[in-house]
């Protein structure tokens, strides 16, 4: 014979949480979320806004990109990568500009120059599949890139203040590698 439990015979074992405990729990969750967001933004990934046309057509004015801040902590910097870096002392940009975005063209120890509208690396023309056909590069004086420094150019070669003006950039100025456009919606994609 089985006995049936009626509502009067069932004991409630679940205790109600005190209001102060609930508030403390939510405050803890909120503080943890803020701390996690701060740590991610500071050390892992950050969003940037493109204010100028120096990287057109790859990056357009108004694009918003994500930058991997750990990219160069675990791997080498490669030619063709798009980097965000702190403004160098020789940069001619205005005081409001703190960070810049350009493409890595010359690597440490290489001799870079321009000839007949082409970038020359160690005396040989550089293939630049990221540029539209017909783009000319001028104004690179022949120079050897110092150790731990990189020669950076904007993709919009006729409208970019870059290493042609402020010189090679030390790796210590690099913030990270741009890897995706996330806004506007019609431009979402990997760089």
C-alpha atoms as a PDB file:
ATOM      1  CA  UNK A   1       0.000   0.000   0.000  1.00  0.00           C
ATOM      2  CA  UNK A   2       1.336   3.366  -0.991  1.00  0.00           C
ATOM      3  CA  UNK A   3       0.683   6.510   0.835  1.00  0.00           C
ATOM      4  CA  UNK A   4      -0.030   9.613  -1.065  1.00  0.00           C
ATOM      5  CA  UNK A   5       1.430  12.906  -0.041  1.00  0.00           C
ATOM      6  CA  UNK A   6      -0.963  15.687   0.313  1.00  0.00           C
ATOM      7  CA  UNK A   7       0.062  19.311   0.263  1.00  0.00           C
ATOM      8  CA  UNK A   8      -0.274  19.445   4.026  1.00  0.00           C
ATOM      9  CA  UNK A   9       2.256  16.608   4.482  1.00  0.00           C
ATOM     10  CA  UNK A  10       4.965  18.038   2.201  1.00  0.00           C
ATOM     11  CA  UNK A  11       7.504  20.123   4.085  1.00  0.00           C
ATOM     12  CA  UNK A  12       9.058  23.042   2.363  1.00  0.00           C
ATOM     13  CA  UNK A  13      12.829  22.701   2.555  1.00  0.00           C
ATOM     14  CA  UNK A  14      13.686  25.692   0.403  1.00  0.00           C
ATOM     15  CA  UNK A  15      14.542  28.759   2.439  1.00  0.00           C
ATOM     16  CA  UNK A  16      13.906  32.229   1.197  1.00  0.00           C
ATOM     17  CA  UNK A  17      16.993  34.401   0.754  1.00  0.00           C
ATOM     18  CA  UNK A  18      17.175  37.512   2.862  1.00  0.00           C
ATOM     19  CA  UNK A  19      16.800  40.741   0.871  1.00  0.00           C
ATOM     20  CA  UNK A  20      20.259  41.963   1.937  1.00  0.00           C
ATOM     21  CA  UNK A  21      21.841  38.749   0.611  1.00  0.00           C
ATOM     22  CA  UNK A  22      20.071  39.160  -2.752  1.00  0.00           C
ATOM     23  CA  UNK A  23      21.298  42.757  -3.067  1.00  0.00           C
ATOM     24  CA  UNK A  24      24.863  41.728  -2.163  1.00  0.00           C
ATOM     25  CA  UNK A  25      24.719  38.898  -4.712  1.00  0.00           C
ATOM     26  CA  UNK A  26      23.607  41.271  -7.518  1.00  0.00           C
ATOM     27  CA  UNK A  27      26.201  43.885  -6.566  1.00  0.00           C
ATOM     28  CA  UNK A  28      28.904  41.179  -6.675  1.00  0.00           C
ATOM     29  CA  UNK A  29      27.775  40.023 -10.123  1.00  0.00           C
ATOM     30  CA  UNK A  30      27.686  43.611 -11.391  1.00  0.00           C
ATOM     31  CA  UNK A  31      31.183  44.389 -10.036  1.00  0.00           C
ATOM     32  CA  UNK A  32      32.577  41.159 -11.503  1.00  0.00           C
ATOM     33  CA  UNK A  33      31.095  42.011 -14.927  1.00  0.00           C
ATOM     34  CA  UNK A  34      32.645  45.497 -14.831  1.00  0.00           C
ATOM     35  CA  UNK A  35      36.026  44.089 -13.791  1.00  0.00           C
ATOM     36  CA  UNK A  36      35.903  41.430 -16.530  1.00  0.00           C
ATOM     37  CA  UNK A  37      35.005  44.033 -19.179  1.00  0.00           C
ATOM     38  CA  UNK A  38      37.803  46.326 -17.979  1.00  0.00           C
ATOM     39  CA  UNK A  39      40.389  43.526 -18.073  1.00  0.00           C
ATOM     40  CA  UNK A  40      39.263  42.366 -21.532  1.00  0.00           C
ATOM     41  CA  UNK A  41      39.415  45.898 -22.933  1.00  0.00           C
ATOM     42  CA  UNK A  42      42.757  46.669 -21.312  1.00  0.00           C
ATOM     43  CA  UNK A  43      44.595  43.452 -22.133  1.00  0.00           C
ATOM     44  CA  UNK A  44      42.775  41.438 -24.802  1.00  0.00           C
ATOM     45  CA  UNK A  45      40.572  43.243 -27.334  1.00  0.00           C
ATOM     46  CA  UNK A  46      39.467  46.824 -27.886  1.00  0.00           C
ATOM     47  CA  UNK A  47      37.247  48.643 -30.355  1.00  0.00           C
ATOM     48  CA  UNK A  48      38.554  51.561 -32.423  1.00  0.00           C
ATOM     49  CA  UNK A  49      36.888  54.114 -34.678  1.00  0.00           C
ATOM     50  CA  UNK A  50      38.462  55.035 -38.052  1.00  0.00           C
ATOM     51  CA  UNK A  51      38.403  58.864 -38.278  1.00  0.00           C
ATOM     52  CA  UNK A  52      40.316  59.420 -41.533  1.00  0.00           C
ATOM     53  CA  UNK A  53      40.705  58.028 -45.037  1.00  0.00           C
ATOM     54  CA  UNK A  54      44.391  57.049 -44.705  1.00  0.00           C
ATOM     55  CA  UNK A  55      43.590  53.312 -44.939  1.00  0.00           C
ATOM     56  CA  UNK A  56      40.980  53.465 -47.732  1.00  0.00           C
ATOM     57  CA  UNK A  57      39.725  51.326 -49.363  1.00  0.00           C
ATOM     58  CA  UNK A  58      40.575  48.679 -46.724  1.00  0.00           C
ATOM     59  CA  UNK A  59      39.183  50.745 -43.838  1.00  0.00           C
ATOM     60  CA  UNK A  60      36.687  53.511 -44.527  1.00  0.00           C
ATOM     61  CA  UNK A  61      35.941  56.641 -42.487  1.00  0.00           C
ATOM     62  CA  UNK A  62      33.432  55.638 -39.804  1.00  0.00           C
ATOM     63  CA  UNK A  63      34.390  51.945 -39.699  1.00  0.00           C
ATOM     64  CA  UNK A  64      34.689  50.427 -36.258  1.00  0.00           C
ATOM     65  CA  UNK A  65      37.307  47.728 -35.831  1.00  0.00           C
ATOM     66  CA  UNK A  66      38.374  45.270 -33.157  1.00  0.00           C
ATOM     67  CA  UNK A  67      42.042  45.092 -32.223  1.00  0.00           C
ATOM     68  CA  UNK A  68      43.694  41.993 -30.738  1.00  0.00           C
ATOM     69  CA  UNK A  69      46.032  43.361 -28.063  1.00  0.00           C
ATOM     70  CA  UNK A  70      47.715  39.997 -27.489  1.00  0.00           C
ATOM     71  CA  UNK A  71      48.592  39.385 -31.148  1.00  0.00           C
ATOM     72  CA  UNK A  72      52.225  40.431 -30.916  1.00  0.00           C
ATOM     73  CA  UNK A  73      52.854  39.012 -27.444  1.00  0.00           C
ATOM     74  CA  UNK A  74      52.733  35.473 -28.819  1.00  0.00           C
ATOM     75  CA  UNK A  75      53.763  35.835 -32.463  1.00  0.00           C
ATOM     76  CA  UNK A  76      55.953  37.884 -34.767  1.00  0.00           C
ATOM     77  CA  UNK A  77      54.811  40.947 -36.643  1.00  0.00           C
ATOM     78  CA  UNK A  78      54.335  40.070 -40.327  1.00  0.00           C
ATOM     79  CA  UNK A  79      54.359  42.215 -43.421  1.00  0.00           C
ATOM     80  CA  UNK A  80      50.844  43.130 -44.536  1.00  0.00           C
ATOM     81  CA  UNK A  81      49.279  43.084 -41.066  1.00  0.00           C
ATOM     82  CA  UNK A  82      47.248  46.113 -40.031  1.00  0.00           C
ATOM     83  CA  UNK A  83      48.353  47.493 -36.671  1.00  0.00           C
ATOM     84  CA  UNK A  84      47.115  50.108 -34.242  1.00  0.00           C
ATOM     85  CA  UNK A  85      49.909  51.980 -32.509  1.00  0.00           C
ATOM     86  CA  UNK A  86      50.482  54.933 -30.230  1.00  0.00           C
ATOM     87  CA  UNK A  87      51.345  58.193 -31.933  1.00  0.00           C
ATOM     88  CA  UNK A  88      55.107  58.652 -32.219  1.00  0.00           C
ATOM     89  CA  UNK A  89      56.865  61.875 -31.144  1.00  0.00           C
ATOM     90  CA  UNK A  90      57.646  62.704 -34.818  1.00  0.00           C
ATOM     91  CA  UNK A  91      54.014  62.337 -35.939  1.00  0.00           C
ATOM     92  CA  UNK A  92      52.608  65.488 -37.506  1.00  0.00           C
ATOM     93  CA  UNK A  93      48.970  64.718 -36.612  1.00  0.00           C
ATOM     94  CA  UNK A  94      46.999  66.974 -34.306  1.00  0.00           C
ATOM     95  CA  UNK A  95      47.076  66.755 -30.492  1.00  0.00           C
ATOM     96  CA  UNK A  96      43.687  64.998 -30.377  1.00  0.00           C
ATOM     97  CA  UNK A  97      45.107  61.997 -32.235  1.00  0.00           C
ATOM     98  CA  UNK A  98      46.517  59.426 -29.813  1.00  0.00           C
ATOM     99  CA  UNK A  99      46.466  56.199 -31.815  1.00  0.00           C
ATOM    100  CA  UNK A 100      46.973  55.475 -35.509  1.00  0.00           C
ATOM    101  CA  UNK A 101      46.228  52.526 -37.797  1.00  0.00           C
ATOM    102  CA  UNK A 102      48.546  51.557 -40.678  1.00  0.00           C
ATOM    103  CA  UNK A 103      49.836  48.506 -42.542  1.00  0.00           C
ATOM    104  CA  UNK A 104      53.212  46.882 -41.824  1.00  0.00           C
ATOM    105  CA  UNK A 105      55.355  47.211 -44.961  1.00  0.00           C
ATOM    106  CA  UNK A 106      59.016  47.107 -43.891  1.00  0.00           C
ATOM    107  CA  UNK A 107      60.525  44.780 -41.273  1.00  0.00           C
ATOM    108  CA  UNK A 108      63.545  45.307 -38.991  1.00  0.00           C
ATOM    109  CA  UNK A 109      66.885  45.084 -40.825  1.00  0.00           C
ATOM    110  CA  UNK A 110      65.404  45.573 -44.305  1.00  0.00           C
ATOM    111  CA  UNK A 111      66.379  48.393 -46.630  1.00  0.00           C
ATOM    112  CA  UNK A 112      63.293  50.186 -47.900  1.00  0.00           C
ATOM    113  CA  UNK A 113      62.825  52.780 -50.644  1.00  0.00           C
ATOM    114  CA  UNK A 114      60.437  53.674 -53.447  1.00  0.00           C
ATOM    115  CA  UNK A 115      61.100  53.660 -57.175  1.00  0.00           C
ATOM    116  CA  UNK A 116      58.756  54.120 -60.151  1.00  0.00           C
ATOM    117  CA  UNK A 117      55.741  54.180 -57.821  1.00  0.00           C
ATOM    118  CA  UNK A 118      56.646  50.860 -56.139  1.00  0.00           C
ATOM    119  CA  UNK A 119      57.856  50.020 -52.637  1.00  0.00           C
ATOM    120  CA  UNK A 120      61.308  48.462 -52.851  1.00  0.00           C
ATOM    121  CA  UNK A 121      62.479  46.023 -50.165  1.00  0.00           C
ATOM    122  CA  UNK A 122      66.203  45.231 -50.334  1.00  0.00           C
ATOM    123  CA  UNK A 123      66.203  46.499 -53.916  1.00  0.00           C
ATOM    124  CA  UNK A 124      63.265  44.346 -55.106  1.00  0.00           C
ATOM    125  CA  UNK A 125      59.694  45.554 -55.778  1.00  0.00           C
ATOM    126  CA  UNK A 126      57.206  44.530 -53.096  1.00  0.00           C
ATOM    127  CA  UNK A 127      54.032  42.743 -54.186  1.00  0.00           C
ATOM    128  CA  UNK A 128      51.109  44.371 -52.401  1.00  0.00           C
ATOM    129  CA  UNK A 129      47.938  42.372 -53.122  1.00  0.00           C
ATOM    130  CA  UNK A 130      46.005  44.448 -50.569  1.00  0.00           C
ATOM    131  CA  UNK A 131      46.218  47.584 -52.751  1.00  0.00           C
ATOM    132  CA  UNK A 132      43.954  48.352 -55.714  1.00  0.00           C
ATOM    133  CA  UNK A 133      45.717  48.284 -59.079  1.00  0.00           C
ATOM    134  CA  UNK A 134      47.347  51.529 -60.080  1.00  0.00           C
ATOM    135  CA  UNK A 135      48.182  52.798 -56.584  1.00  0.00           C
ATOM    136  CA  UNK A 136      51.564  54.524 -56.623  1.00  0.00           C
ATOM    137  CA  UNK A 137      53.909  54.810 -53.662  1.00  0.00           C
ATOM    138  CA  UNK A 138      56.321  57.704 -53.640  1.00  0.00           C
ATOM    139  CA  UNK A 139      58.441  59.524 -51.102  1.00  0.00           C
ATOM    140  CA  UNK A 140      60.231  56.692 -49.307  1.00  0.00           C
ATOM    141  CA  UNK A 141      63.835  57.743 -48.914  1.00  0.00           C
ATOM    142  CA  UNK A 142      66.299  54.849 -48.953  1.00  0.00           C
ATOM    143  CA  UNK A 143      66.880  53.708 -45.380  1.00  0.00           C
ATOM    144  CA  UNK A 144      67.685  50.645 -43.327  1.00  0.00           C
ATOM    145  CA  UNK A 145      64.965  49.897 -40.780  1.00  0.00           C
ATOM    146  CA  UNK A 146      66.468  49.723 -37.265  1.00  0.00           C
ATOM    147  CA  UNK A 147      66.103  46.634 -35.038  1.00  0.00           C
ATOM    148  CA  UNK A 148      62.683  46.251 -33.374  1.00  0.00           C
ATOM    149  CA  UNK A 149      61.163  48.916 -35.643  1.00  0.00           C
ATOM    150  CA  UNK A 150      58.707  48.709 -38.552  1.00  0.00           C
ATOM    151  CA  UNK A 151      57.944  50.852 -41.583  1.00  0.00           C
ATOM    152  CA  UNK A 152      54.179  51.490 -41.689  1.00  0.00           C
ATOM    153  CA  UNK A 153      52.136  52.884 -44.581  1.00  0.00           C
ATOM    154  CA  UNK A 154      48.485  53.730 -45.070  1.00  0.00           C
ATOM    155  CA  UNK A 155      46.764  51.957 -47.969  1.00  0.00           C
ATOM    156  CA  UNK A 156      45.639  55.348 -49.300  1.00  0.00           C
ATOM    157  CA  UNK A 157      49.211  56.235 -50.256  1.00  0.00           C
ATOM    158  CA  UNK A 158      48.405  59.693 -51.616  1.00  0.00           C
ATOM    159  CA  UNK A 159      46.558  60.714 -48.428  1.00  0.00           C
ATOM    160  CA  UNK A 160      48.367  59.171 -45.470  1.00  0.00           C
ATOM    161  CA  UNK A 161      50.741  60.563 -42.880  1.00  0.00           C
ATOM    162  CA  UNK A 162      52.841  57.487 -42.190  1.00  0.00           C
ATOM    163  CA  UNK A 163      56.442  56.282 -41.842  1.00  0.00           C
ATOM    164  CA  UNK A 164      57.402  58.342 -44.887  1.00  0.00           C
ATOM    165  CA  UNK A 165      56.888  61.379 -42.631  1.00  0.00           C
ATOM    166  CA  UNK A 166      57.524  60.198 -39.057  1.00  0.00           C
ATOM    167  CA  UNK A 167      59.932  57.308 -39.700  1.00  0.00           C
ATOM    168  CA  UNK A 168      59.894  53.670 -38.597  1.00  0.00           C
ATOM    169  CA  UNK A 169      57.819  52.836 -35.499  1.00  0.00           C
ATOM    170  CA  UNK A 170      59.235  50.846 -32.552  1.00  0.00           C
ATOM    171  CA  UNK A 171      57.328  47.653 -31.755  1.00  0.00           C
ATOM    172  CA  UNK A 172      56.939  48.948 -28.193  1.00  0.00           C
ATOM    173  CA  UNK A 173      54.441  51.513 -29.595  1.00  0.00           C
ATOM    174  CA  UNK A 174      52.182  48.784 -31.018  1.00  0.00           C
ATOM    175  CA  UNK A 175      48.824  48.355 -29.295  1.00  0.00           C
ATOM    176  CA  UNK A 176      47.650  45.379 -31.342  1.00  0.00           C
ATOM    177  CA  UNK A 177      46.531  43.912 -34.644  1.00  0.00           C
ATOM    178  CA  UNK A 178      43.286  44.984 -36.303  1.00  0.00           C
ATOM    179  CA  UNK A 179      41.391  41.831 -37.281  1.00  0.00           C
ATOM    180  CA  UNK A 180      37.725  42.590 -37.918  1.00  0.00           C
ATOM    181  CA  UNK A 181      35.385  45.390 -38.972  1.00  0.00           C
ATOM    182  CA  UNK A 182      32.250  45.155 -36.818  1.00  0.00           C
ATOM    183  CA  UNK A 183      30.429  48.313 -37.900  1.00  0.00           C
ATOM    184  CA  UNK A 184      28.674  49.376 -40.090  1.00  0.00           C
ATOM    185  CA  UNK A 185      26.689  46.207 -40.687  1.00  0.00           C
ATOM    186  CA  UNK A 186      27.236  46.203 -44.447  1.00  0.00           C
ATOM    187  CA  UNK A 187      31.042  46.140 -43.896  1.00  0.00           C
ATOM    188  CA  UNK A 188      31.263  43.438 -41.217  1.00  0.00           C
ATOM    189  CA  UNK A 189      34.102  41.053 -41.927  1.00  0.00           C
ATOM    190  CA  UNK A 190      37.679  40.015 -41.214  1.00  0.00           C
ATOM    191  CA  UNK A 191      40.428  42.324 -42.333  1.00  0.00           C
END
